[in-house]
Protein backbone atom coordinates (compact mmCIF):
# COMPACT_ATOMS: atom_id res chain seq x y z
CA MET A 1 -3.00 8.80 6.58
CA PRO A 2 -6.46 9.41 6.75
CA SER A 3 -9.22 7.59 9.51
CA LEU A 4 -11.05 5.06 7.14
CA PRO A 5 -14.34 4.14 7.79
CA VAL A 6 -14.74 1.16 9.60
CA GLN A 7 -17.42 -1.68 8.08
CA LYS A 8 -19.80 -3.31 10.28
CA ILE A 9 -20.61 -7.47 9.29
CA PRO A 10 -24.26 -8.73 11.03
CA ALA A 11 -24.89 -11.91 9.01
CA ALA A 12 -23.01 -15.35 9.33
CA LEU A 13 -22.86 -18.44 6.99
CA CYS A 14 -22.10 -21.71 8.85
CA HIS A 15 -20.35 -24.56 7.78
CA VAL A 16 -19.08 -27.77 10.45
CA GLN A 17 -16.27 -29.55 8.49
CA PRO A 18 -14.99 -32.59 10.33
CA MET A 19 -11.45 -33.40 10.35
CA PRO A 20 -9.52 -36.87 9.57
CA ALA A 21 -7.86 -39.16 12.35
CA VAL A 22 -5.03 -38.46 11.99
CA TYR A 23 -4.00 -34.09 11.76
CA ARG A 24 -1.63 -31.92 12.26
CA LEU A 25 -2.34 -28.52 13.93
CA GLN A 26 1.27 -26.94 13.63
CA GLU A 27 0.70 -26.32 9.38
CA VAL A 28 -2.19 -24.20 9.81
CA LEU A 29 -1.42 -22.42 12.87
CA SER A 30 1.57 -21.27 11.92
CA PHE A 31 0.27 -20.10 8.35
CA HIS A 32 -1.95 -17.43 10.26
CA GLN A 33 0.45 -16.57 13.13
CA ARG A 34 2.94 -15.08 10.75
CA ASP A 35 2.35 -11.70 11.86
CA ALA A 36 3.01 -10.82 15.33
CA GLU A 37 0.55 -7.91 15.26
CA GLN A 38 -2.38 -10.28 14.43
CA LEU A 39 -3.44 -7.12 11.70
CA ALA A 40 -5.44 -9.44 9.66
CA GLU A 41 -5.73 -12.95 11.24
CA GLN A 42 -6.03 -13.51 15.17
CA VAL A 43 -5.06 -16.72 16.40
CA THR A 44 -6.76 -17.56 20.45
CA LEU A 45 -6.85 -20.43 22.77
CA GLY A 46 -10.75 -21.11 23.53
CA ALA A 47 -11.77 -21.63 26.54
CA ASP A 48 -11.25 -26.18 25.73
CA GLY A 49 -7.52 -25.08 25.34
CA LEU A 50 -8.73 -25.27 21.70
CA PRO A 51 -8.04 -22.91 18.83
CA ARG A 52 -9.34 -19.99 17.12
CA LEU A 53 -8.73 -18.13 14.09
CA ARG A 54 -10.13 -15.08 13.22
CA LYS A 55 -9.46 -13.44 9.20
CA GLY A 56 -10.60 -10.36 7.64
CA LEU A 57 -11.35 -10.91 4.03
CA ASP A 58 -12.61 -9.77 0.83
CA TRP A 59 -15.80 -11.74 -0.03
CA GLU A 60 -17.81 -11.42 -3.56
CA GLY A 61 -16.37 -7.82 -3.31
CA GLN A 62 -17.47 -7.27 0.56
CA ALA A 63 -15.55 -6.79 3.85
CA ALA A 64 -16.55 -9.74 5.84
CA TRP A 65 -14.37 -12.17 8.30
CA LEU A 66 -14.85 -15.68 8.89
CA GLU A 67 -13.77 -17.82 12.02
CA LEU A 68 -12.49 -21.36 12.02
CA VAL A 69 -13.20 -23.11 16.20
CA TRP A 70 -11.70 -26.30 16.58
CA GLU A 71 -14.04 -28.20 18.61
CA ALA A 72 -14.62 -31.91 19.91
CA ALA A 73 -16.93 -34.01 17.60
CA ALA A 74 -17.98 -36.55 20.18
CA PRO A 75 -17.19 -36.52 23.99
CA SER A 76 -14.17 -39.04 23.80
CA ALA A 77 -10.57 -37.32 23.62
CA ALA A 78 -9.98 -39.83 21.15
CA ASP A 79 -12.49 -39.16 19.15
CA PRO A 80 -11.56 -36.25 15.91
CA LEU A 81 -12.24 -32.85 15.58
CA GLN A 82 -14.22 -30.90 14.09
CA VAL A 83 -14.17 -27.21 13.01
CA ARG A 84 -17.16 -24.86 13.48
CA ALA A 85 -16.40 -22.38 10.87
CA THR A 86 -18.16 -19.11 10.17
CA LEU A 87 -18.40 -16.85 7.55
CA HIS A 88 -19.53 -12.95 8.78
CA LEU A 89 -20.97 -11.22 5.20
CA PRO A 90 -23.16 -7.88 5.27
CA ALA A 91 -26.51 -7.93 5.46
CA HIS A 92 -27.38 -7.26 1.87
CA GLN A 93 -24.75 -9.80 0.45
CA ARG A 94 -26.72 -12.70 -1.83
CA VAL A 95 -26.44 -15.91 0.32
CA ASP A 96 -28.00 -19.12 -1.19
CA ALA A 97 -27.32 -22.59 -1.72
CA SER A 98 -24.17 -22.20 -4.65
CA THR A 99 -22.65 -19.70 -1.37
CA GLN A 100 -22.93 -22.47 0.93
CA ALA A 101 -21.52 -24.54 -1.53
CA ARG A 102 -18.49 -22.45 -1.74
CA TRP A 103 -17.85 -21.52 1.44
CA ALA A 104 -17.72 -24.97 2.01
CA ALA A 105 -15.21 -25.56 -0.28
CA THR A 106 -12.93 -22.66 0.99
CA VAL A 107 -13.49 -24.09 4.23
CA ARG A 108 -11.86 -27.39 3.17
CA ARG A 109 -9.10 -25.72 1.24
CA MET A 110 -8.03 -23.46 3.90
CA LEU A 111 -7.48 -26.91 6.28
CA GLY A 112 -5.77 -28.48 3.41
CA LEU A 113 -8.65 -30.74 2.90
CA ALA A 114 -8.93 -30.10 -0.69
CA TYR A 115 -6.55 -32.56 -1.86
CA PRO A 116 -5.70 -35.17 1.19
CA PRO A 117 -2.50 -36.81 1.03
CA GLU A 118 -3.06 -39.86 1.93
CA ALA A 119 -2.44 -41.20 -1.00
CA LEU A 120 1.23 -39.74 -0.92
CA GLU A 121 1.79 -41.71 1.71
CA THR A 122 0.43 -44.99 0.84
CA ALA A 123 2.07 -44.61 -2.68
CA HIS A 124 5.76 -43.87 -1.09
CA ALA A 125 5.62 -44.93 2.22
CA ASP A 126 8.71 -46.93 0.96
CA HIS A 127 11.27 -44.74 -0.66
CA PRO A 128 14.89 -44.73 1.43
CA LEU A 129 14.30 -41.08 2.09
CA LEU A 130 10.89 -39.69 1.69
CA GLY A 131 8.91 -43.12 3.48
CA PRO A 132 10.57 -41.72 7.36
CA LEU A 133 9.58 -38.19 6.56
CA LEU A 134 5.75 -39.21 6.02
CA ARG A 135 5.90 -41.70 8.32
CA SER A 136 7.46 -38.96 10.95
CA GLN A 137 5.29 -35.72 10.03
CA GLN A 138 1.88 -38.31 9.52
CA GLY A 139 -1.09 -36.11 9.27
CA LEU A 140 0.52 -33.20 7.75
CA HIS A 141 -1.67 -31.30 5.34
CA VAL A 142 -1.19 -27.87 3.55
CA PRO A 143 -3.65 -24.84 4.50
CA ALA A 144 -4.40 -21.99 1.69
CA ALA A 145 -5.40 -18.86 2.05
CA PRO A 146 -9.26 -18.07 1.47
CA THR A 147 -8.90 -17.01 -2.35
CA ALA A 148 -6.02 -17.13 -5.05
CA TRP A 149 -5.46 -13.70 -5.29
CA GLU A 150 -4.35 -13.15 -1.48
CA ALA A 151 -2.22 -16.29 -2.24
CA LEU A 152 -0.75 -14.99 -5.46
CA THR A 153 0.22 -11.76 -3.89
CA TRP A 154 1.53 -13.26 -0.69
CA ALA A 155 3.37 -14.66 -3.62
CA VAL A 156 5.11 -11.68 -5.14
CA THR A 157 5.49 -9.63 -1.43
CA GLY A 158 7.98 -12.75 -0.81
CA GLN A 159 9.85 -12.69 -4.06
CA GLN A 160 13.43 -12.76 -2.86
CA ILE A 161 12.90 -11.41 0.62
CA SER A 162 13.16 -12.89 3.99
CA VAL A 163 9.98 -14.03 6.17
CA ALA A 164 10.75 -11.22 8.19
CA ALA A 165 10.83 -8.03 5.47
CA ALA A 166 7.48 -10.22 3.12
CA VAL A 167 5.47 -10.19 6.57
CA ALA A 168 5.93 -6.00 7.21
CA LEU A 169 4.97 -5.53 3.76
CA ARG A 170 2.14 -7.13 3.69
CA ARG A 171 1.13 -5.59 6.84
CA ARG A 172 1.71 -2.11 5.56
CA LEU A 173 0.08 -3.48 1.55
CA ILE A 174 -3.13 -4.47 4.24
CA ARG A 175 -2.92 -1.01 6.13
CA ALA A 176 -2.79 1.22 2.83
CA ALA A 177 -5.55 -1.24 0.63
CA GLY A 178 -7.79 -3.06 3.28
CA THR A 179 -10.85 -1.97 5.16
CA PRO A 180 -10.93 -1.87 9.04
CA LEU A 181 -13.67 -4.53 10.26
CA ALA A 182 -15.50 -2.89 13.48
CA PRO A 183 -14.73 -3.80 17.03
CA ASP A 184 -18.12 -4.98 17.28
CA GLY A 185 -18.22 -6.93 13.96
CA HIS A 186 -20.48 -9.77 14.69
CA GLY A 187 -22.35 -10.79 18.73
CA ASP A 188 -19.58 -11.27 20.91
CA ALA A 189 -17.01 -12.02 19.43
CA GLY A 190 -16.20 -9.33 17.09
CA ALA A 191 -13.97 -8.86 14.78
CA ALA A 192 -12.00 -6.20 16.97
CA GLY A 193 -8.70 -4.94 15.38
CA LEU A 194 -9.08 -7.05 12.24
CA TRP A 195 -9.12 -6.04 8.86
CA THR A 196 -9.57 -7.51 5.58
CA TYR A 197 -6.74 -8.78 2.98
CA PRO A 198 -7.43 -6.07 -0.26
CA SER A 199 -8.95 -6.88 -3.25
CA ALA A 200 -7.64 -6.78 -6.82
CA ALA A 201 -9.59 -3.51 -6.98
CA GLN A 202 -8.28 -2.46 -4.16
CA VAL A 203 -4.64 -2.55 -4.97
CA ALA A 204 -5.25 -1.34 -8.06
CA GLN A 205 -6.62 2.02 -6.56
CA LEU A 206 -3.39 2.00 -4.37
CA GLY A 207 -1.79 3.14 -8.09
CA PRO A 208 1.96 2.87 -8.19
CA ASP A 209 2.45 5.96 -5.85
CA GLY A 210 0.80 4.15 -3.30
CA LEU A 211 2.29 0.88 -3.65
CA ARG A 212 5.79 1.95 -3.66
CA ALA A 213 5.06 4.29 -0.62
CA ALA A 214 3.68 0.71 1.46
CA GLY A 215 7.26 -0.60 0.31
CA TYR A 216 7.41 -2.64 -2.62
CA SER A 217 9.68 -2.24 -5.06
CA GLN A 218 9.20 -0.92 -8.39
CA SER A 219 9.31 -4.88 -10.29
CA LYS A 220 6.46 -5.97 -7.38
CA THR A 221 4.48 -2.72 -7.73
CA ARG A 222 3.95 -3.47 -11.78
CA ALA A 223 3.35 -6.71 -10.84
CA LEU A 224 0.96 -6.21 -8.37
CA LEU A 225 -0.78 -3.69 -10.67
CA ALA A 226 -0.66 -6.00 -14.04
CA LEU A 227 -2.63 -8.76 -11.68
CA ALA A 228 -4.65 -6.62 -10.63
CA ALA A 229 -5.89 -5.29 -13.85
CA GLU A 230 -5.86 -8.40 -15.42
CA VAL A 231 -7.84 -10.12 -11.90
CA ASP A 232 -10.56 -7.53 -12.92
CA ASN A 233 -11.04 -7.44 -16.68
CA GLY A 234 -11.34 -11.47 -16.26
CA ALA A 235 -8.39 -12.45 -17.75
CA LEU A 236 -6.80 -14.13 -14.70
CA PRO A 237 -10.47 -15.42 -13.10
CA LEU A 238 -8.43 -16.78 -10.16
CA GLU A 239 -11.78 -17.74 -8.77
CA ASP A 240 -12.96 -19.69 -11.84
CA TRP A 241 -10.32 -21.99 -11.28
CA VAL A 242 -10.19 -22.56 -7.32
CA GLN A 243 -14.04 -23.61 -7.62
CA ALA A 244 -13.37 -26.06 -10.71
CA SER A 245 -10.37 -27.42 -8.32
CA ASP A 246 -12.54 -27.73 -5.29
CA ALA A 247 -14.67 -29.62 -7.85
CA GLY A 248 -12.17 -32.07 -9.32
CA THR A 249 -13.05 -30.61 -12.52
CA MET A 250 -10.09 -29.31 -13.42
CA PRO A 251 -8.33 -31.52 -15.59
CA ALA A 252 -4.12 -31.01 -16.19
CA ALA A 253 -4.27 -29.11 -19.14
CA ASP A 254 -6.52 -26.46 -17.97
CA MET A 255 -3.85 -26.40 -14.71
CA ASP A 256 -1.37 -25.80 -17.40
CA THR A 257 -3.16 -23.18 -18.85
CA ALA A 258 -3.42 -21.08 -15.96
CA MET A 259 0.56 -21.35 -15.14
CA GLN A 260 0.95 -20.14 -18.41
CA GLN A 261 -1.42 -17.30 -17.97
CA LEU A 262 0.35 -16.50 -14.80
CA LEU A 263 3.10 -16.79 -16.41
CA ALA A 264 3.19 -14.50 -18.74
CA VAL A 265 2.72 -11.66 -16.46
CA PRO A 266 5.77 -9.43 -16.41
CA GLY A 267 7.82 -10.31 -12.60
CA ILE A 268 5.69 -13.62 -12.53
CA GLY A 269 8.63 -16.32 -12.56
CA PRO A 270 7.47 -20.30 -11.75
CA TRP A 271 8.25 -20.11 -8.20
CA THR A 272 5.57 -17.59 -8.00
CA VAL A 273 3.31 -19.81 -10.54
CA HIS A 274 3.14 -22.94 -8.39
CA TYR A 275 3.12 -21.29 -4.71
CA THR A 276 0.24 -19.66 -6.02
CA LEU A 277 -1.78 -22.65 -7.16
CA LEU A 278 -0.35 -24.04 -3.73
CA ARG A 279 -1.44 -21.96 -1.05
CA GLY A 280 -4.46 -20.40 -3.54
CA LEU A 281 -5.52 -23.50 -4.77
CA GLY A 282 -4.70 -26.51 -3.14
CA TRP A 283 -2.85 -27.86 -6.12
CA PRO A 284 -0.98 -30.72 -4.69
CA ASP A 285 1.75 -30.72 -7.97
CA GLY A 286 3.59 -27.77 -8.25
CA SER A 287 7.66 -28.58 -8.62
CA LEU A 288 8.52 -25.69 -6.10
CA HIS A 289 12.23 -26.74 -7.02
CA GLY A 290 13.38 -23.37 -7.37
CA ASP A 291 12.33 -22.81 -3.12
CA VAL A 292 15.69 -22.17 -1.27
CA ALA A 293 13.78 -23.99 2.05
CA VAL A 294 13.12 -26.79 -0.34
CA ARG A 295 16.65 -27.09 -1.45
CA LYS A 296 18.31 -27.09 2.03
CA ALA A 297 15.51 -29.47 3.67
CA LEU A 298 16.90 -32.15 0.67
CA ALA A 299 20.51 -31.26 0.77
CA ARG A 300 19.69 -32.65 4.49
CA LEU A 301 17.58 -35.45 4.02
CA GLN A 302 20.34 -36.34 1.19
CA GLY A 303 23.38 -36.00 3.53
CA VAL A 304 25.09 -33.63 0.55
CA GLU A 305 26.16 -29.79 1.04
CA ARG A 306 24.60 -28.25 -1.53
CA ILE A 307 21.52 -29.07 -4.03
CA THR A 308 20.53 -27.09 -7.01
CA GLU A 309 17.49 -26.04 -8.40
CA ALA A 310 18.27 -29.08 -11.28
CA GLN A 311 18.49 -31.86 -8.69
CA ALA A 312 15.65 -31.24 -7.21
CA ARG A 313 13.96 -31.11 -10.09
CA ASP A 314 14.65 -34.06 -11.29
CA TRP A 315 14.42 -35.39 -7.91
CA LEU A 316 11.25 -33.77 -7.23
CA ALA A 317 9.32 -35.19 -10.75
CA PRO A 318 9.12 -38.65 -9.37
CA PHE A 319 6.66 -37.71 -6.75
CA ALA A 320 3.95 -36.24 -9.40
CA PRO A 321 1.00 -35.59 -8.52
CA TRP A 322 2.25 -34.91 -5.38
CA ARG A 323 5.19 -32.67 -5.82
CA ALA A 324 4.61 -29.51 -3.75
CA LEU A 325 2.96 -32.00 -0.68
CA VAL A 326 6.05 -33.26 -0.81
CA ALA A 327 8.21 -29.93 -0.45
CA ALA A 328 5.74 -29.18 1.79
CA HIS A 329 7.02 -32.10 4.07
CA LEU A 330 10.34 -30.54 3.42
CA TRP A 331 9.47 -27.43 4.79
CA ALA A 332 8.27 -29.00 7.84
CA SER A 333 11.43 -30.85 8.42
CA LEU A 334 13.10 -27.87 9.27
CA SER A 335 10.87 -26.15 11.05
CA ALA A 336 7.07 -26.15 12.39
CA LYS A 337 6.56 -22.97 10.78
CA ALA A 338 6.17 -22.51 6.27
CA TYR A 339 4.78 -20.17 4.82
């Protein structure tokens, strides 16, 4: 493969996000530690023992990278943490109040704060099965990808294969279509070794031959190229949906319309749609009854050998509008690693 020019990132945009008093770190860290090779994400510990996340991404068509640094908000160890979030952008990128607001919303969504889980914990604290799970996993928040496109393509990549296989396939997609960032990306921290996650336009440029060479099946190749084309021509306004969801101005009818638009793309089924809305928009009410791990955890919770998709759907239904958040609790009951 020919060497690619590296992209230097000289500008920065900052936001400080206060964190809830009760917040589990393991979900957000494990989500960004999927790839042991740390190609597009790097999780490290600072001198204070608190985590730092660096991630390459496409921001409005430009190579960029972000850094989330957990730090003490006050001298007392009992006080909640805060996250100092920096988005490193090209110098020519237009930055205004709208950009700042979008970045702040992105940070909240990535940290699982777009739809706080306290309402679920309050509403169903007395449920005989879910209530104890909520109490034992209090502070669970569902982290999201920085863009809905990344969440959507990760969902397609992971269809009907193991997590390990999906991570390896995702890595090959990033190498095939992403952008390597300069080792001295910005300041003394830099973006050493980071690649950006590819945009819809970059995936489209690969074409069927490039995606097949990266290891994607014929059906996944067709789905990714169809999605990329619809994102590029505006038929799938993913970022409009994200901004409406972030602002709390996306009513249920509009969410249903978004789901139907995604389902109309060949190769996209209900699981992919609901997972994308959770990991891309932070939306907590997709029914993930088709998820194998959800059904396994639910069977264990109920003390039975097996749960069908229909049984899982019916069990999750009364927990609307938090069905996807309940699914995340079921994931966490099996493992601290939920992808």
